[in-house]
Structure formats: structure tokens, C-alpha cells
Amino acid sequence: MKILNTNWINILGVFISVLFYSIIYNLTVEDDVTTNFFQSIFAAILLVLSYGLMFWIGSILALIVLDLILIIPNQSNLKLKLLIEWIVISAPFVYWATIYEEQRVLYIIAIITFLITQLVRERLITKATY
């Protein structure tokens, strides 16, 4: 159970990075509507929470299932197992980044942030289990 509790770093890291990207994008996009900083924050939160709802549900379930299959039975080769999790969970986002050109940067940011948080999570798992 301690290992499953380390998933918060992935969720928080990806949420914050996508939120920051969305805020910056909303402020810098050239369109007919002028937005201020607070409107950009509100739009970004709506984007990340509502539009990305299926993303969050699928990602969290995939993390839990892969943790139960790969990591909980045996913590040896932890970094390799976390990288396998990253590859499996990131695969749909790599595909979407190739076909949805207007959202490509958003997917790439999420994929890179997820890799970084997986590496941070290695330390959290090691600390929680030893």
C-alpha cells in the first residue's frame, strides 16, 4: 500500500506542468478574445480537470494496475520497472501527439513530466519500503 501512495507525485507533477503550460498558452495565444491572468487560470483549470477527465481516470488506473503487477510483488530492478510503466502509460500520448498537431506540445510536456516524476518516485518508493 505504501508503494501505491507514491503515485501522488506523478499526478501532482503532471497536473501542475500541464496547468502552467495551459495558463501560458492562454495568455499568449493570438485570437480575437483578450484574456487577463485570472481568466487564463480559470480556463486552464477547466481544461485540465474537465477536458482531461478521461486522461486522469485512465492514467491513475493504469498506474495502479501496473504497480500491482510489476512493483508490489518484487521491488528489484525498480528503475527499469518504473521506465516500463512510463513507456506503457505514455504510449497513447505519443500517438496523440503525432496526430493532434495543435495539442502536440501539451502531450509532450505531460510525457516528459511523467518521466521526471517516475524517477523522483523511485526515491520515494525506496524510502517507503526500506
N, C-alpha and C. Protein backbone atom coordinates (compact mmCIF):
# COMPACT_ATOMS: atom_id res chain seq x y z
N MET A 1 0.82 -1.20 0.00
CA MET A 1 0.00 0.00 0.00
C MET A 1 0.86 1.26 0.00
N LYS A 2 2.04 1.17 0.63
CA LYS A 2 2.94 2.33 0.65
C LYS A 2 3.39 2.69 -0.76
N ILE A 3 3.57 1.69 -1.60
CA ILE A 3 4.00 1.94 -2.97
C ILE A 3 2.91 2.66 -3.76
N LEU A 4 1.67 2.25 -3.57
CA LEU A 4 0.56 2.90 -4.27
C LEU A 4 0.40 4.35 -3.83
N ASN A 5 0.74 4.63 -2.59
CA ASN A 5 0.64 6.01 -2.09
C ASN A 5 1.68 6.94 -2.71
N THR A 6 2.68 6.40 -3.38
CA THR A 6 3.68 7.26 -4.02
C THR A 6 3.22 7.78 -5.39
N ASN A 7 2.07 7.35 -5.85
CA ASN A 7 1.56 7.82 -7.14
C ASN A 7 1.17 9.29 -7.12
N TRP A 8 1.04 9.88 -5.95
CA TRP A 8 0.66 11.29 -5.86
C TRP A 8 1.67 12.19 -6.57
N ILE A 9 2.95 11.80 -6.58
CA ILE A 9 3.96 12.64 -7.22
C ILE A 9 3.73 12.71 -8.72
N ASN A 10 3.30 11.61 -9.33
CA ASN A 10 3.01 11.61 -10.76
C ASN A 10 1.81 12.49 -11.07
N ILE A 11 0.76 12.32 -10.30
CA ILE A 11 -0.48 13.06 -10.55
C ILE A 11 -0.24 14.55 -10.35
N LEU A 12 0.39 14.91 -9.26
CA LEU A 12 0.65 16.32 -8.96
C LEU A 12 1.60 16.94 -9.98
N GLY A 13 2.67 16.24 -10.32
CA GLY A 13 3.65 16.77 -11.26
C GLY A 13 3.06 17.03 -12.64
N VAL A 14 2.34 16.07 -13.18
CA VAL A 14 1.74 16.23 -14.50
C VAL A 14 0.65 17.31 -14.45
N PHE A 15 -0.15 17.31 -13.40
CA PHE A 15 -1.21 18.32 -13.28
C PHE A 15 -0.62 19.73 -13.27
N ILE A 16 0.40 19.95 -12.47
CA ILE A 16 0.98 21.29 -12.36
C ILE A 16 1.65 21.71 -13.66
N SER A 17 2.39 20.83 -14.29
CA SER A 17 3.07 21.22 -15.53
C SER A 17 2.08 21.51 -16.65
N VAL A 18 1.05 20.70 -16.79
CA VAL A 18 0.04 20.94 -17.81
C VAL A 18 -0.75 22.21 -17.48
N LEU A 19 -1.01 22.44 -16.21
CA LEU A 19 -1.72 23.65 -15.81
C LEU A 19 -0.89 24.90 -16.16
N PHE A 20 0.40 24.88 -15.83
CA PHE A 20 1.26 26.03 -16.16
C PHE A 20 1.34 26.25 -17.67
N TYR A 21 1.47 25.16 -18.43
CA TYR A 21 1.51 25.31 -19.88
C TYR A 21 0.21 25.92 -20.38
N SER A 22 -0.91 25.46 -19.86
CA SER A 22 -2.21 25.96 -20.30
C SER A 22 -2.38 27.44 -19.97
N ILE A 23 -1.92 27.84 -18.80
CA ILE A 23 -2.00 29.26 -18.43
C ILE A 23 -1.16 30.11 -19.38
N ILE A 24 0.07 29.67 -19.62
CA ILE A 24 0.94 30.43 -20.52
C ILE A 24 0.36 30.45 -21.93
N TYR A 25 -0.15 29.32 -22.39
CA TYR A 25 -0.74 29.27 -23.73
C TYR A 25 -1.95 30.20 -23.83
N ASN A 26 -2.81 30.19 -22.82
CA ASN A 26 -4.00 31.06 -22.84
C ASN A 26 -3.62 32.54 -22.85
N LEU A 27 -2.53 32.88 -22.22
CA LEU A 27 -2.09 34.28 -22.19
C LEU A 27 -1.42 34.71 -23.49
N THR A 28 -0.80 33.78 -24.18
CA THR A 28 -0.01 34.14 -25.36
C THR A 28 -0.70 33.88 -26.68
N VAL A 29 -1.82 33.18 -26.68
CA VAL A 29 -2.48 32.85 -27.95
C VAL A 29 -3.03 34.12 -28.60
N GLU A 30 -2.87 34.18 -29.89
CA GLU A 30 -3.36 35.33 -30.65
C GLU A 30 -4.77 35.01 -31.15
N ASP A 31 -5.77 35.61 -30.54
CA ASP A 31 -7.14 35.45 -31.02
C ASP A 31 -7.90 36.75 -30.80
N ASP A 32 -9.18 36.74 -31.13
CA ASP A 32 -9.98 37.96 -31.02
C ASP A 32 -10.42 38.26 -29.60
N VAL A 33 -10.24 37.31 -28.69
CA VAL A 33 -10.68 37.49 -27.31
C VAL A 33 -9.46 37.84 -26.46
N THR A 34 -9.56 38.92 -25.74
CA THR A 34 -8.48 39.28 -24.83
C THR A 34 -8.77 38.65 -23.47
N THR A 35 -7.74 38.10 -22.88
CA THR A 35 -7.90 37.47 -21.58
C THR A 35 -6.89 38.06 -20.61
N ASN A 36 -7.29 38.09 -19.34
CA ASN A 36 -6.35 38.52 -18.32
C ASN A 36 -5.81 37.28 -17.60
N PHE A 37 -4.97 37.48 -16.63
CA PHE A 37 -4.30 36.37 -15.95
C PHE A 37 -5.30 35.45 -15.24
N PHE A 38 -6.29 36.01 -14.57
CA PHE A 38 -7.26 35.20 -13.83
C PHE A 38 -8.15 34.39 -14.76
N GLN A 39 -8.51 34.96 -15.89
CA GLN A 39 -9.29 34.21 -16.88
C GLN A 39 -8.45 33.06 -17.44
N SER A 40 -7.17 33.28 -17.62
CA SER A 40 -6.29 32.23 -18.11
C SER A 40 -6.17 31.09 -17.10
N ILE A 41 -6.07 31.43 -15.83
CA ILE A 41 -6.01 30.40 -14.79
C ILE A 41 -7.31 29.59 -14.77
N PHE A 42 -8.44 30.26 -14.81
CA PHE A 42 -9.72 29.57 -14.79
C PHE A 42 -9.87 28.67 -16.01
N ALA A 43 -9.52 29.16 -17.19
CA ALA A 43 -9.61 28.35 -18.41
C ALA A 43 -8.68 27.14 -18.34
N ALA A 44 -7.49 27.33 -17.79
CA ALA A 44 -6.55 26.23 -17.68
C ALA A 44 -7.05 25.16 -16.71
N ILE A 45 -7.62 25.58 -15.60
CA ILE A 45 -8.16 24.61 -14.63
C ILE A 45 -9.31 23.84 -15.26
N LEU A 46 -10.18 24.52 -15.98
CA LEU A 46 -11.27 23.82 -16.68
C LEU A 46 -10.73 22.83 -17.70
N LEU A 47 -9.71 23.23 -18.44
CA LEU A 47 -9.12 22.35 -19.44
C LEU A 47 -8.55 21.10 -18.78
N VAL A 48 -7.76 21.29 -17.75
CA VAL A 48 -7.07 20.16 -17.13
C VAL A 48 -8.04 19.24 -16.40
N LEU A 49 -9.01 19.80 -15.72
CA LEU A 49 -9.93 18.97 -14.94
C LEU A 49 -11.07 18.37 -15.76
N SER A 50 -11.70 19.16 -16.61
CA SER A 50 -12.86 18.63 -17.31
C SER A 50 -12.50 17.95 -18.62
N TYR A 51 -11.75 18.62 -19.48
CA TYR A 51 -11.36 18.03 -20.75
C TYR A 51 -10.45 16.83 -20.52
N GLY A 52 -9.60 16.91 -19.52
CA GLY A 52 -8.67 15.84 -19.25
C GLY A 52 -9.18 14.79 -18.28
N LEU A 53 -10.47 14.77 -18.00
CA LEU A 53 -11.01 13.83 -17.01
C LEU A 53 -10.74 12.38 -17.39
N MET A 54 -10.95 12.02 -18.64
CA MET A 54 -10.69 10.65 -19.07
C MET A 54 -9.20 10.34 -18.99
N PHE A 55 -8.38 11.33 -19.27
CA PHE A 55 -6.93 11.16 -19.15
C PHE A 55 -6.56 10.83 -17.71
N TRP A 56 -7.12 11.58 -16.76
CA TRP A 56 -6.78 11.36 -15.35
C TRP A 56 -7.26 9.99 -14.88
N ILE A 57 -8.48 9.63 -15.22
CA ILE A 57 -9.01 8.33 -14.79
C ILE A 57 -8.18 7.19 -15.37
N GLY A 58 -7.92 7.25 -16.67
CA GLY A 58 -7.14 6.20 -17.31
C GLY A 58 -5.71 6.12 -16.79
N SER A 59 -5.09 7.25 -16.59
CA SER A 59 -3.71 7.26 -16.11
C SER A 59 -3.59 6.72 -14.70
N ILE A 60 -4.48 7.13 -13.84
CA ILE A 60 -4.43 6.66 -12.44
C ILE A 60 -4.71 5.16 -12.36
N LEU A 61 -5.70 4.70 -13.11
CA LEU A 61 -5.99 3.26 -13.12
C LEU A 61 -4.82 2.46 -13.69
N ALA A 62 -4.22 2.96 -14.76
CA ALA A 62 -3.07 2.27 -15.35
C ALA A 62 -1.90 2.24 -14.37
N LEU A 63 -1.66 3.34 -13.66
CA LEU A 63 -0.59 3.36 -12.66
C LEU A 63 -0.83 2.32 -11.57
N ILE A 64 -2.04 2.26 -11.08
CA ILE A 64 -2.36 1.32 -10.01
C ILE A 64 -2.20 -0.12 -10.48
N VAL A 65 -2.76 -0.42 -11.65
CA VAL A 65 -2.68 -1.79 -12.17
C VAL A 65 -1.23 -2.20 -12.43
N LEU A 66 -0.46 -1.32 -13.06
CA LEU A 66 0.94 -1.65 -13.33
C LEU A 66 1.76 -1.76 -12.05
N ASP A 67 1.45 -0.95 -11.05
CA ASP A 67 2.12 -1.09 -9.75
C ASP A 67 1.82 -2.45 -9.14
N LEU A 68 0.56 -2.85 -9.20
CA LEU A 68 0.17 -4.15 -8.63
C LEU A 68 0.83 -5.31 -9.37
N ILE A 69 1.02 -5.17 -10.66
CA ILE A 69 1.61 -6.25 -11.45
C ILE A 69 3.14 -6.25 -11.38
N LEU A 70 3.75 -5.08 -11.52
CA LEU A 70 5.20 -5.01 -11.66
C LEU A 70 5.96 -4.78 -10.36
N ILE A 71 5.51 -3.83 -9.56
CA ILE A 71 6.36 -3.35 -8.47
C ILE A 71 6.05 -4.01 -7.13
N ILE A 72 4.80 -4.14 -6.78
CA ILE A 72 4.46 -4.64 -5.45
C ILE A 72 4.97 -6.07 -5.21
N PRO A 73 4.86 -6.99 -6.16
CA PRO A 73 5.38 -8.34 -5.87
C PRO A 73 6.89 -8.39 -5.63
N ASN A 74 7.65 -7.53 -6.32
CA ASN A 74 9.10 -7.58 -6.20
C ASN A 74 9.66 -6.21 -6.57
N GLN A 75 10.41 -5.59 -5.68
CA GLN A 75 10.95 -4.26 -5.93
C GLN A 75 12.33 -4.26 -6.57
N SER A 76 12.84 -5.42 -6.96
CA SER A 76 14.14 -5.43 -7.63
C SER A 76 14.00 -4.83 -9.03
N ASN A 77 15.08 -4.24 -9.52
CA ASN A 77 15.08 -3.54 -10.82
C ASN A 77 13.98 -2.47 -10.86
N LEU A 78 13.90 -1.70 -9.81
CA LEU A 78 12.83 -0.72 -9.67
C LEU A 78 12.84 0.33 -10.77
N LYS A 79 14.02 0.85 -11.10
CA LYS A 79 14.11 1.88 -12.14
C LYS A 79 13.61 1.35 -13.48
N LEU A 80 13.98 0.13 -13.82
CA LEU A 80 13.53 -0.48 -15.07
C LEU A 80 12.01 -0.65 -15.08
N LYS A 81 11.46 -1.08 -13.98
CA LYS A 81 10.00 -1.26 -13.90
C LYS A 81 9.26 0.07 -14.00
N LEU A 82 9.82 1.11 -13.39
CA LEU A 82 9.21 2.43 -13.50
C LEU A 82 9.30 2.97 -14.92
N LEU A 83 10.40 2.68 -15.61
CA LEU A 83 10.52 3.09 -17.01
C LEU A 83 9.55 2.32 -17.90
N ILE A 84 9.33 1.05 -17.60
CA ILE A 84 8.33 0.27 -18.34
C ILE A 84 6.94 0.86 -18.12
N GLU A 85 6.63 1.23 -16.88
CA GLU A 85 5.35 1.90 -16.60
C GLU A 85 5.23 3.18 -17.41
N TRP A 86 6.31 3.96 -17.45
CA TRP A 86 6.30 5.21 -18.20
C TRP A 86 6.04 4.96 -19.68
N ILE A 87 6.69 3.97 -20.26
CA ILE A 87 6.51 3.66 -21.68
C ILE A 87 5.08 3.22 -21.96
N VAL A 88 4.54 2.34 -21.13
CA VAL A 88 3.19 1.83 -21.36
C VAL A 88 2.15 2.93 -21.22
N ILE A 89 2.26 3.74 -20.18
CA ILE A 89 1.26 4.79 -19.94
C ILE A 89 1.43 5.95 -20.92
N SER A 90 2.65 6.23 -21.35
CA SER A 90 2.89 7.34 -22.27
C SER A 90 2.60 7.00 -23.72
N ALA A 91 2.52 5.74 -24.07
CA ALA A 91 2.33 5.33 -25.46
C ALA A 91 1.11 5.99 -26.12
N PRO A 92 -0.07 6.01 -25.48
CA PRO A 92 -1.19 6.69 -26.14
C PRO A 92 -0.95 8.17 -26.35
N PHE A 93 -0.22 8.81 -25.46
CA PHE A 93 0.03 10.25 -25.57
C PHE A 93 1.05 10.54 -26.67
N VAL A 94 1.99 9.63 -26.89
CA VAL A 94 2.90 9.77 -28.02
C VAL A 94 2.11 9.67 -29.32
N TYR A 95 1.20 8.72 -29.38
CA TYR A 95 0.36 8.57 -30.57
C TYR A 95 -0.49 9.82 -30.79
N TRP A 96 -1.12 10.31 -29.73
CA TRP A 96 -1.95 11.51 -29.87
C TRP A 96 -1.12 12.73 -30.25
N ALA A 97 0.11 12.80 -29.76
CA ALA A 97 0.98 13.92 -30.12
C ALA A 97 1.33 13.90 -31.61
N THR A 98 1.33 12.72 -32.21
CA THR A 98 1.64 12.64 -33.63
C THR A 98 0.43 13.01 -34.50
N ILE A 99 -0.78 12.74 -34.01
CA ILE A 99 -1.94 13.02 -34.88
C ILE A 99 -2.64 14.33 -34.56
N TYR A 100 -2.52 14.85 -33.34
CA TYR A 100 -3.16 16.11 -32.98
C TYR A 100 -2.10 17.21 -32.90
N GLU A 101 -1.86 17.84 -34.03
CA GLU A 101 -0.78 18.82 -34.13
C GLU A 101 -0.98 20.01 -33.20
N GLU A 102 -2.23 20.47 -33.04
CA GLU A 102 -2.47 21.66 -32.23
C GLU A 102 -2.28 21.42 -30.73
N GLN A 103 -2.26 20.16 -30.31
CA GLN A 103 -2.06 19.85 -28.89
C GLN A 103 -0.76 19.10 -28.64
N ARG A 104 0.09 19.06 -29.63
CA ARG A 104 1.34 18.28 -29.56
C ARG A 104 2.21 18.70 -28.37
N VAL A 105 2.39 19.98 -28.17
CA VAL A 105 3.26 20.47 -27.10
C VAL A 105 2.70 20.05 -25.74
N LEU A 106 1.39 20.11 -25.59
CA LEU A 106 0.75 19.71 -24.33
C LEU A 106 1.05 18.25 -24.00
N TYR A 107 0.92 17.38 -24.99
CA TYR A 107 1.21 15.96 -24.77
C TYR A 107 2.68 15.72 -24.48
N ILE A 108 3.55 16.41 -25.18
CA ILE A 108 4.99 16.23 -24.96
C ILE A 108 5.39 16.69 -23.56
N ILE A 109 4.82 17.79 -23.11
CA ILE A 109 5.09 18.26 -21.75
C ILE A 109 4.62 17.24 -20.72
N ALA A 110 3.44 16.68 -20.93
CA ALA A 110 2.92 15.67 -20.00
C ALA A 110 3.81 14.42 -19.98
N ILE A 111 4.28 14.00 -21.14
CA ILE A 111 5.13 12.80 -21.22
C ILE A 111 6.47 13.03 -20.51
N ILE A 112 7.09 14.17 -20.76
CA ILE A 112 8.38 14.47 -20.12
C ILE A 112 8.23 14.63 -18.61
N THR A 113 7.18 15.31 -18.19
CA THR A 113 6.95 15.47 -16.76
C THR A 113 6.69 14.13 -16.08
N PHE A 114 5.96 13.26 -16.76
CA PHE A 114 5.68 11.93 -16.20
C PHE A 114 6.98 11.14 -16.03
N LEU A 115 7.91 11.26 -16.99
CA LEU A 115 9.20 10.59 -16.86
C LEU A 115 9.97 11.13 -15.65
N ILE A 116 9.99 12.43 -15.50
CA ILE A 116 10.71 13.04 -14.36
C ILE A 116 10.10 12.60 -13.04
N THR A 117 8.77 12.59 -12.96
CA THR A 117 8.13 12.20 -11.71
C THR A 117 8.29 10.70 -11.43
N GLN A 118 8.42 9.89 -12.47
CA GLN A 118 8.69 8.47 -12.25
C GLN A 118 10.08 8.29 -11.63
N LEU A 119 11.04 9.08 -12.07
CA LEU A 119 12.39 8.99 -11.50
C LEU A 119 12.41 9.50 -10.06
N VAL A 120 11.63 10.53 -9.77
CA VAL A 120 11.51 11.01 -8.38
C VAL A 120 10.80 9.95 -7.54
N ARG A 121 9.84 9.32 -8.14
CA ARG A 121 9.06 8.30 -7.43
C ARG A 121 9.93 7.11 -7.02
N GLU A 122 10.97 6.83 -7.78
CA GLU A 122 11.88 5.75 -7.42
C GLU A 122 12.45 5.98 -6.02
N ARG A 123 12.86 7.22 -5.77
CA ARG A 123 13.40 7.55 -4.44
C ARG A 123 12.33 7.43 -3.36
N LEU A 124 11.11 7.84 -3.68
CA LEU A 124 10.02 7.75 -2.70
C LEU A 124 9.69 6.29 -2.37
N ILE A 125 9.70 5.43 -3.38
CA ILE A 125 9.41 4.01 -3.15
C ILE A 125 10.53 3.38 -2.33
N THR A 126 11.75 3.70 -2.66
CA THR A 126 12.89 3.15 -1.92
C THR A 126 12.82 3.58 -0.46
N LYS A 127 12.50 4.85 -0.24
CA LYS A 127 12.40 5.36 1.12
C LYS A 127 11.21 4.72 1.87
N ALA A 128 10.11 4.48 1.19
CA ALA A 128 8.91 3.94 1.85
C ALA A 128 9.03 2.45 2.15
N THR A 129 9.83 1.72 1.38
CA THR A 129 9.89 0.28 1.59
C THR A 129 11.10 -0.18 2.39
N TYR A 130 12.09 0.69 2.59
CA TYR A 130 13.28 0.27 3.35
C TYR A 130 13.45 1.07 4.60
